[in-house]
PDB file of N, CA and C in Angstrom:
ATOM      1  N   MET A   1      87.894-125.712 194.585  1.00  0.00           N
ATOM      2  CA  MET A   1      88.828-124.680 194.557  1.00  0.00           C
ATOM      3  C   MET A   1      88.538-123.736 195.768  1.00  0.00           C
ATOM      4  N   ARG A   2      89.569-123.280 196.477  1.00  0.00           N
ATOM      5  CA  ARG A   2      89.346-122.393 197.567  1.00  0.00           C
ATOM      6  C   ARG A   2      89.925-121.002 197.137  1.00  0.00           C
ATOM      7  N   ILE A   3      89.227-119.984 197.587  1.00  0.00           N
ATOM      8  CA  ILE A   3      89.620-118.541 197.231  1.00  0.00           C
ATOM      9  C   ILE A   3      90.058-117.851 198.508  1.00  0.00           C
ATOM     10  N   ASN A   4      91.241-117.319 198.497  1.00  0.00           N
ATOM     11  CA  ASN A   4      91.788-116.574 199.611  1.00  0.00           C
ATOM     12  C   ASN A   4      91.627-115.039 199.340  1.00  0.00           C
ATOM     13  N   GLU A   5      91.276-114.317 200.332  1.00  0.00           N
ATOM     14  CA  GLU A   5      91.151-112.832 200.226  1.00  0.00           C
ATOM     15  C   GLU A   5      92.369-112.163 200.863  1.00  0.00           C
ATOM     16  N   ILE A   6      93.011-111.318 200.096  1.00  0.00           N
ATOM     17  CA  ILE A   6      94.221-110.638 200.588  1.00  0.00           C
ATOM     18  C   ILE A   6      94.009-109.194 200.276  1.00  0.00           C
ATOM     19  N   SER A   7      94.015-108.306 201.263  1.00  0.00           N
ATOM     20  CA  SER A   7      93.885-106.825 201.118  1.00  0.00           C
ATOM     21  C   SER A   7      92.894-106.425 200.059  1.00  0.00           C
ATOM     22  N   GLY A   8      91.694-106.923 200.165  1.00  0.00           N
ATOM     23  CA  GLY A   8      90.604-106.531 199.337  1.00  0.00           C
ATOM     24  C   GLY A   8      90.599-107.180 198.020  1.00  0.00           C
ATOM     25  N   LYS A   9      91.678-107.926 197.585  1.00  0.00           N
ATOM     26  CA  LYS A   9      91.761-108.553 196.311  1.00  0.00           C
ATOM     27  C   LYS A   9      91.526-110.095 196.510  1.00  0.00           C
ATOM     28  N   ILE A  10      90.900-110.677 195.607  1.00  0.00           N
ATOM     29  CA  ILE A  10      90.573-112.104 195.663  1.00  0.00           C
ATOM     30  C   ILE A  10      91.460-112.882 194.688  1.00  0.00           C
ATOM     31  N   PHE A  11      92.166-113.830 195.171  1.00  0.00           N
ATOM     32  CA  PHE A  11      93.021-114.612 194.329  1.00  0.00           C
ATOM     33  C   PHE A  11      92.658-116.113 194.469  1.00  0.00           C
ATOM     34  N   PRO A  12      92.711-116.824 193.332  1.00  0.00           N
ATOM     35  CA  PRO A  12      92.416-118.300 193.428  1.00  0.00           C
ATOM     36  C   PRO A  12      93.592-118.950 194.035  1.00  0.00           C
ATOM     37  N   GLN A  13      93.289-120.038 194.739  1.00  0.00           N
ATOM     38  CA  GLN A  13      94.381-120.805 195.414  1.00  0.00           C
ATOM     39  C   GLN A  13      95.241-121.435 194.311  1.00  0.00           C
ATOM     40  N   GLU A  14      96.563-121.398 194.573  1.00  0.00           N
ATOM     41  CA  GLU A  14      97.483-121.837 193.557  1.00  0.00           C
ATOM     42  C   GLU A  14      97.435-123.369 193.401  1.00  0.00           C
ATOM     43  N   GLU A  15      97.330-123.869 192.207  1.00  0.00           N
ATOM     44  CA  GLU A  15      97.249-125.302 191.950  1.00  0.00           C
ATOM     45  C   GLU A  15      98.515-125.887 191.371  1.00  0.00           C
ATOM     46  N   ASN A  16      99.590-125.120 191.426  1.00  0.00           N
ATOM     47  CA  ASN A  16     100.837-125.632 190.852  1.00  0.00           C
ATOM     48  C   ASN A  16     101.887-125.951 191.866  1.00  0.00           C
ATOM     49  N   GLY A  17     101.432-126.560 192.983  1.00  0.00           N
ATOM     50  CA  GLY A  17     102.323-127.035 193.980  1.00  0.00           C
ATOM     51  C   GLY A  17     102.855-125.923 194.849  1.00  0.00           C
ATOM     52  N   GLY A  18     102.151-124.796 194.982  1.00  0.00           N
ATOM     53  CA  GLY A  18     102.663-123.662 195.821  1.00  0.00           C
ATOM     54  C   GLY A  18     103.608-122.717 195.040  1.00  0.00           C
ATOM     55  N   LYS A  19     103.971-122.970 193.879  1.00  0.00           N
ATOM     56  CA  LYS A  19     104.889-122.097 193.174  1.00  0.00           C
ATOM     57  C   LYS A  19     104.095-120.845 192.675  1.00  0.00           C
ATOM     58  N   LYS A  20     104.730-119.749 192.687  1.00  0.00           N
ATOM     59  CA  LYS A  20     104.118-118.508 192.240  1.00  0.00           C
ATOM     60  C   LYS A  20     104.039-118.492 190.710  1.00  0.00           C
ATOM     61  N   ALA A  21     102.857-118.008 190.230  1.00  0.00           N
ATOM     62  CA  ALA A  21     102.732-117.861 188.808  1.00  0.00           C
ATOM     63  C   ALA A  21     103.517-116.725 188.360  1.00  0.00           C
ATOM     64  N   GLN A  22     104.111-116.831 187.126  1.00  0.00           N
ATOM     65  CA  GLN A  22     104.904-115.781 186.660  1.00  0.00           C
ATOM     66  C   GLN A  22     104.029-114.956 185.636  1.00  0.00           C
ATOM     67  N   ARG A  23     104.204-113.677 185.699  1.00  0.00           N
ATOM     68  CA  ARG A  23     103.518-112.794 184.728  1.00  0.00           C
ATOM     69  C   ARG A  23     104.319-112.676 183.401  1.00  0.00           C
ATOM     70  N   THR A  24     103.593-112.822 182.314  1.00  0.00           N
ATOM     71  CA  THR A  24     104.322-112.806 181.066  1.00  0.00           C
ATOM     72  C   THR A  24     104.251-111.407 180.467  1.00  0.00           C
ATOM     73  N   GLU A  25     103.365-110.572 180.899  1.00  0.00           N
ATOM     74  CA  GLU A  25     103.256-109.223 180.299  1.00  0.00           C
ATOM     75  C   GLU A  25     103.130-108.155 181.380  1.00  0.00           C
ATOM     76  N   SER A  26     103.516-107.008 181.043  1.00  0.00           N
ATOM     77  CA  SER A  26     103.367-105.948 182.033  1.00  0.00           C
ATOM     78  C   SER A  26     102.413-104.870 181.477  1.00  0.00           C
ATOM     79  N   LYS A  27     101.418-104.566 182.268  1.00  0.00           N
ATOM     80  CA  LYS A  27     100.355-103.640 181.778  1.00  0.00           C
ATOM     81  C   LYS A  27     100.700-102.269 182.360  1.00  0.00           C
ATOM     82  N   LYS A  28     100.591-101.202 181.556  1.00  0.00           N
ATOM     83  CA  LYS A  28     100.796 -99.845 181.950  1.00  0.00           C
ATOM     84  C   LYS A  28      99.694 -99.001 181.409  1.00  0.00           C
ATOM     85  N   ASP A  29      99.241 -98.041 182.253  1.00  0.00           N
ATOM     86  CA  ASP A  29      98.223 -97.096 181.739  1.00  0.00           C
ATOM     87  C   ASP A  29      98.869 -96.125 180.825  1.00  0.00           C
ATOM     88  N   LYS A  30      98.058 -95.641 179.897  1.00  0.00           N
ATOM     89  CA  LYS A  30      98.621 -94.667 178.848  1.00  0.00           C
ATOM     90  C   LYS A  30      97.549 -93.648 178.594  1.00  0.00           C
ATOM     91  N   ILE A  31      97.945 -92.425 178.451  1.00  0.00           N
ATOM     92  CA  ILE A  31      97.121 -91.333 178.107  1.00  0.00           C
ATOM     93  C   ILE A  31      97.606 -90.617 176.863  1.00  0.00           C
ATOM     94  N   GLU A  32      96.728 -90.227 175.995  1.00  0.00           N
ATOM     95  CA  GLU A  32      97.054 -89.578 174.837  1.00  0.00           C
ATOM     96  C   GLU A  32      96.178 -88.327 174.731  1.00  0.00           C
ATOM     97  N   ILE A  33      96.831 -87.231 174.495  1.00  0.00           N
ATOM     98  CA  ILE A  33      96.074 -85.932 174.307  1.00  0.00           C
ATOM     99  C   ILE A  33      96.152 -85.521 172.845  1.00  0.00           C
ATOM    100  N   SER A  34      95.012 -85.299 172.252  1.00  0.00           N
ATOM    101  CA  SER A  34      94.958 -84.995 170.839  1.00  0.00           C
ATOM    102  C   SER A  34      95.553 -83.629 170.574  1.00  0.00           C
ATOM    103  N   SER A  35      96.046 -83.442 169.321  1.00  0.00           N
ATOM    104  CA  SER A  35      96.628 -82.187 168.995  1.00  0.00           C
ATOM    105  C   SER A  35      95.608 -81.006 169.088  1.00  0.00           C
ATOM    106  N   GLN A  36      94.342 -81.323 168.855  1.00  0.00           N
ATOM    107  CA  GLN A  36      93.241 -80.321 168.990  1.00  0.00           C
ATOM    108  C   GLN A  36      93.114 -79.921 170.439  1.00  0.00           C
ATOM    109  N   ALA A  37      93.187 -80.830 171.340  1.00  0.00           N
ATOM    110  CA  ALA A  37      93.072 -80.459 172.820  1.00  0.00           C
ATOM    111  C   ALA A  37      94.258 -79.663 173.221  1.00  0.00           C
ATOM    112  N   LYS A  38      95.469 -79.993 172.669  1.00  0.00           N
ATOM    113  CA  LYS A  38      96.643 -79.199 173.018  1.00  0.00           C
ATOM    114  C   LYS A  38      96.531 -77.781 172.517  1.00  0.00           C
ATOM    115  N   GLU A  39      96.026 -77.626 171.290  1.00  0.00           N
ATOM    116  CA  GLU A  39      95.838 -76.237 170.716  1.00  0.00           C
ATOM    117  C   GLU A  39      94.796 -75.533 171.546  1.00  0.00           C
ATOM    118  N   LEU A  40      93.764 -76.106 171.944  1.00  0.00           N
ATOM    119  CA  LEU A  40      92.692 -75.530 172.694  1.00  0.00           C
ATOM    120  C   LEU A  40      93.251 -75.008 174.087  1.00  0.00           C
ATOM    121  N   CYS A  41      94.029 -75.838 174.659  1.00  0.00           N
ATOM    122  CA  CYS A  41      94.683 -75.512 175.956  1.00  0.00           C
ATOM    123  C   CYS A  41      95.611 -74.312 175.768  1.00  0.00           C
ATOM    124  N   GLU A  42      96.355 -74.267 174.691  1.00  0.00           N
ATOM    125  CA  GLU A  42      97.278 -73.131 174.430  1.00  0.00           C
ATOM    126  C   GLU A  42      96.501 -71.910 174.227  1.00  0.00           C
ATOM    127  N   LEU A  43      95.368 -71.980 173.453  1.00  0.00           N
ATOM    128  CA  LEU A  43      94.563 -70.814 173.125  1.00  0.00           C
ATOM    129  C   LEU A  43      94.005 -70.251 174.441  1.00  0.00           C
ATOM    130  N   LYS A  44      93.451 -71.124 175.321  1.00  0.00           N
ATOM    131  CA  LYS A  44      92.894 -70.647 176.595  1.00  0.00           C
ATOM    132  C   LYS A  44      93.964 -70.038 177.460  1.00  0.00           C
ATOM    133  N   ARG A  45      95.203 -70.469 177.409  1.00  0.00           N
ATOM    134  CA  ARG A  45      96.337 -69.939 178.182  1.00  0.00           C
ATOM    135  C   ARG A  45      96.631 -68.543 177.649  1.00  0.00           C
ATOM    136  N   VAL A  46      96.642 -68.381 176.289  1.00  0.00           N
ATOM    137  CA  VAL A  46      96.914 -67.110 175.693  1.00  0.00           C
ATOM    138  C   VAL A  46      95.834 -66.100 176.055  1.00  0.00           C
ATOM    139  N   GLU A  47      94.576 -66.523 176.034  1.00  0.00           N
ATOM    140  CA  GLU A  47      93.425 -65.675 176.353  1.00  0.00           C
ATOM    141  C   GLU A  47      93.560 -65.249 177.827  1.00  0.00           C
ATOM    142  N   LYS A  48      93.877 -66.106 178.742  1.00  0.00           N
ATOM    143  CA  LYS A  48      94.022 -65.816 180.157  1.00  0.00           C
ATOM    144  C   LYS A  48      95.136 -64.739 180.363  1.00  0.00           C
ATOM    145  N   ILE A  49      96.267 -64.900 179.616  1.00  0.00           N
ATOM    146  CA  ILE A  49      97.359 -63.962 179.749  1.00  0.00           C
ATOM    147  C   ILE A  49      96.957 -62.601 179.254  1.00  0.00           C
ATOM    148  N   GLU A  50      96.239 -62.561 178.121  1.00  0.00           N
ATOM    149  CA  GLU A  50      95.753 -61.264 177.555  1.00  0.00           C
ATOM    150  C   GLU A  50      94.742 -60.589 178.484  1.00  0.00           C
ATOM    151  N   SER A  51      93.947 -61.367 179.121  1.00  0.00           N
ATOM    152  CA  SER A  51      92.935 -60.842 180.126  1.00  0.00           C
ATOM    153  C   SER A  51      93.643 -60.245 181.276  1.00  0.00           C
ATOM    154  N   VAL A  52      94.629 -60.872 181.806  1.00  0.00           N
ATOM    155  CA  VAL A  52      95.394 -60.314 182.967  1.00  0.00           C
ATOM    156  C   VAL A  52      96.145 -59.093 182.518  1.00  0.00           C
ATOM    157  N   ARG A  53      96.771 -59.149 181.322  1.00  0.00           N
ATOM    158  CA  ARG A  53      97.495 -57.980 180.782  1.00  0.00           C
ATOM    159  C   ARG A  53      96.665 -56.738 180.717  1.00  0.00           C
ATOM    160  N   LYS A  54      95.383 -56.910 180.188  1.00  0.00           N
ATOM    161  CA  LYS A  54      94.437 -55.828 180.087  1.00  0.00           C
ATOM    162  C   LYS A  54      94.105 -55.251 181.514  1.00  0.00           C
ATOM    163  N   LYS A  55      93.848 -56.151 182.447  1.00  0.00           N
ATOM    164  CA  LYS A  55      93.518 -55.740 183.793  1.00  0.00           C
ATOM    165  C   LYS A  55      94.640 -54.910 184.398  1.00  0.00           C
ATOM    166  N   VAL A  56      95.942 -55.368 184.145  1.00  0.00           N
ATOM    167  CA  VAL A  56      97.044 -54.617 184.700  1.00  0.00           C
ATOM    168  C   VAL A  56      97.090 -53.245 184.037  1.00  0.00           C
ATOM    169  N   GLU A  57      96.915 -53.112 182.753  1.00  0.00           N
ATOM    170  CA  GLU A  57      96.949 -51.884 182.038  1.00  0.00           C
ATOM    171  C   GLU A  57      95.848 -50.903 182.537  1.00  0.00           C
ATOM    172  N   LEU A  58      94.687 -51.488 182.897  1.00  0.00           N
ATOM    173  CA  LEU A  58      93.532 -50.617 183.382  1.00  0.00           C
ATOM    174  C   LEU A  58      93.667 -50.373 184.818  1.00  0.00           C
ATOM    175  N   GLY A  59      94.624 -50.895 185.538  1.00  0.00           N
ATOM    176  CA  GLY A  59      94.872 -50.610 186.970  1.00  0.00           C
ATOM    177  C   GLY A  59      93.904 -51.405 187.855  1.00  0.00           C
ATOM    178  N   PHE A  60      93.359 -52.370 187.402  1.00  0.00           N
ATOM    179  CA  PHE A  60      92.400 -53.269 188.182  1.00  0.00           C
ATOM    180  C   PHE A  60      93.059 -53.789 189.464  1.00  0.00           C
ATOM    181  N   TYR A  61      94.339 -54.126 189.421  1.00  0.00           N
ATOM    182  CA  TYR A  61      95.040 -54.746 190.512  1.00  0.00           C
ATOM    183  C   TYR A  61      95.522 -53.720 191.531  1.00  0.00           C
ATOM    184  N   ASN A  62      95.250 -52.435 191.218  1.00  0.00           N
ATOM    185  CA  ASN A  62      95.739 -51.352 192.105  1.00  0.00           C
ATOM    186  C   ASN A  62      94.685 -51.040 193.162  1.00  0.00           C
ATOM    187  N   SER A  63      93.536 -51.628 193.115  1.00  0.00           N
ATOM    188  CA  SER A  63      92.447 -51.273 194.085  1.00  0.00           C
ATOM    189  C   SER A  63      92.779 -51.852 195.431  1.00  0.00           C
ATOM    190  N   ASP A  64      92.303 -51.141 196.455  1.00  0.00           N
ATOM    191  CA  ASP A  64      92.548 -51.535 197.838  1.00  0.00           C
ATOM    192  C   ASP A  64      91.990 -52.966 198.104  1.00  0.00           C
ATOM    193  N   ASP A  65      90.831 -53.214 197.570  1.00  0.00           N
ATOM    194  CA  ASP A  65      90.163 -54.562 197.728  1.00  0.00           C
ATOM    195  C   ASP A  65      91.107 -55.705 197.217  1.00  0.00           C
ATOM    196  N   ILE A  66      91.638 -55.528 196.035  1.00  0.00           N
ATOM    197  CA  ILE A  66      92.507 -56.549 195.395  1.00  0.00           C
ATOM    198  C   ILE A  66      93.815 -56.676 196.206  1.00  0.00           C
ATOM    199  N   ILE A  67      94.382 -55.563 196.547  1.00  0.00           N
ATOM    200  CA  ILE A  67      95.615 -55.546 197.360  1.00  0.00           C
ATOM    201  C   ILE A  67      95.411 -56.332 198.717  1.00  0.00           C
ATOM    202  N   SER A  68      94.310 -56.061 199.370  1.00  0.00           N
ATOM    203  CA  SER A  68      93.984 -56.732 200.606  1.00  0.00           C
ATOM    204  C   SER A  68      93.775 -58.270 200.381  1.00  0.00           C
ATOM    205  N   LYS A  69      93.131 -58.642 199.296  1.00  0.00           N
ATOM    206  CA  LYS A  69      92.960 -60.098 199.067  1.00  0.00           C
ATOM    207  C   LYS A  69      94.281 -60.779 198.794  1.00  0.00           C
ATOM    208  N   VAL A  70      95.221 -60.117 198.026  1.00  0.00           N
ATOM    209  CA  VAL A  70      96.486 -60.728 197.701  1.00  0.00           C
ATOM    210  C   VAL A  70      97.302 -60.740 199.002  1.00  0.00           C
ATOM    211  N   ALA A  71      97.280 -59.745 199.772  1.00  0.00           N
ATOM    212  CA  ALA A  71      98.058 -59.726 201.065  1.00  0.00           C
ATOM    213  C   ALA A  71      97.579 -60.878 201.928  1.00  0.00           C
ATOM    214  N   GLU A  72      96.237 -61.031 202.037  1.00  0.00           N
ATOM    215  CA  GLU A  72      95.706 -62.103 202.863  1.00  0.00           C
ATOM    216  C   GLU A  72      96.142 -63.458 202.406  1.00  0.00           C
ATOM    217  N   LYS A  73      96.143 -63.700 201.093  1.00  0.00           N
ATOM    218  CA  LYS A  73      96.599 -64.999 200.580  1.00  0.00           C
ATOM    219  C   LYS A  73      98.088 -65.269 200.851  1.00  0.00           C
ATOM    220  N   ILE A  74      98.917 -64.216 200.656  1.00  0.00           N
ATOM    221  CA  ILE A  74     100.342 -64.321 200.928  1.00  0.00           C
ATOM    222  C   ILE A  74     100.543 -64.628 202.406  1.00  0.00           C
ATOM    223  N   TYR A  75      99.864 -64.007 203.284  1.00  0.00           N
ATOM    224  CA  TYR A  75      99.930 -64.250 204.737  1.00  0.00           C
ATOM    225  C   TYR A  75      99.549 -65.675 205.083  1.00  0.00           C
ATOM    226  N   LYS A  76      98.450 -66.197 204.504  1.00  0.00           N
ATOM    227  CA  LYS A  76      98.079 -67.574 204.695  1.00  0.00           C
ATOM    228  C   LYS A  76      99.179 -68.543 204.242  1.00  0.00           C
ATOM    229  N   ILE A  77      99.767 -68.302 203.098  1.00  0.00           N
ATOM    230  CA  ILE A  77     100.777 -69.224 202.587  1.00  0.00           C
ATOM    231  C   ILE A  77     102.027 -69.201 203.528  1.00  0.00           C
ATOM    232  N   LEU A  78     102.394 -67.967 203.940  1.00  0.00           N
ATOM    233  CA  LEU A  78     103.590 -67.815 204.816  1.00  0.00           C
ATOM    234  C   LEU A  78     103.298 -68.467 206.182  1.00  0.00           C
ATOM    235  N   LYS A  79     102.107 -68.306 206.722  1.00  0.00           N
ATOM    236  CA  LYS A  79     101.708 -68.844 207.975  1.00  0.00           C
ATOM    237  C   LYS A  79     101.788 -70.389 208.013  1.00  0.00           C
ATOM    238  N   ASN A  80     101.392 -71.014 206.841  1.00  0.00           N
ATOM    239  CA  ASN A  80     101.318 -72.498 206.749  1.00  0.00           C
ATOM    240  C   ASN A  80     102.730 -73.089 206.534  1.00  0.00           C
ATOM    241  N   ASP A  81     103.643 -72.312 206.075  1.00  0.00           N
ATOM    242  CA  ASP A  81     105.019 -72.868 205.819  1.00  0.00           C
ATOM    243  C   ASP A  81     105.783 -73.007 207.095  1.00  0.00           C
ATOM    244  N   ARG A  82     105.403 -72.465 208.185  1.00  0.00           N
ATOM    245  CA  ARG A  82     106.204 -72.507 209.407  1.00  0.00           C
ATOM    246  C   ARG A  82     105.810 -73.722 210.199  1.00  0.00           C
TER     247      ARG A  82
END
């Protein structure tokens, strides 16, 4: 038996007169996220929103340092879009 290498994959030489083998099944990757993981993600999102809300109420985002950082990030985004 001779083995041919094609683009990094190794395939055995066809022994059926050069006819291509037919695939009988299709494989697909599948991911499942548990309900517990979904709930945890939702809780973390709610906690993050509450944290930001408290910072807004306390005036955290009104400081010159934060305003400068936000303006710098906006500038970088706009500069890269052109």
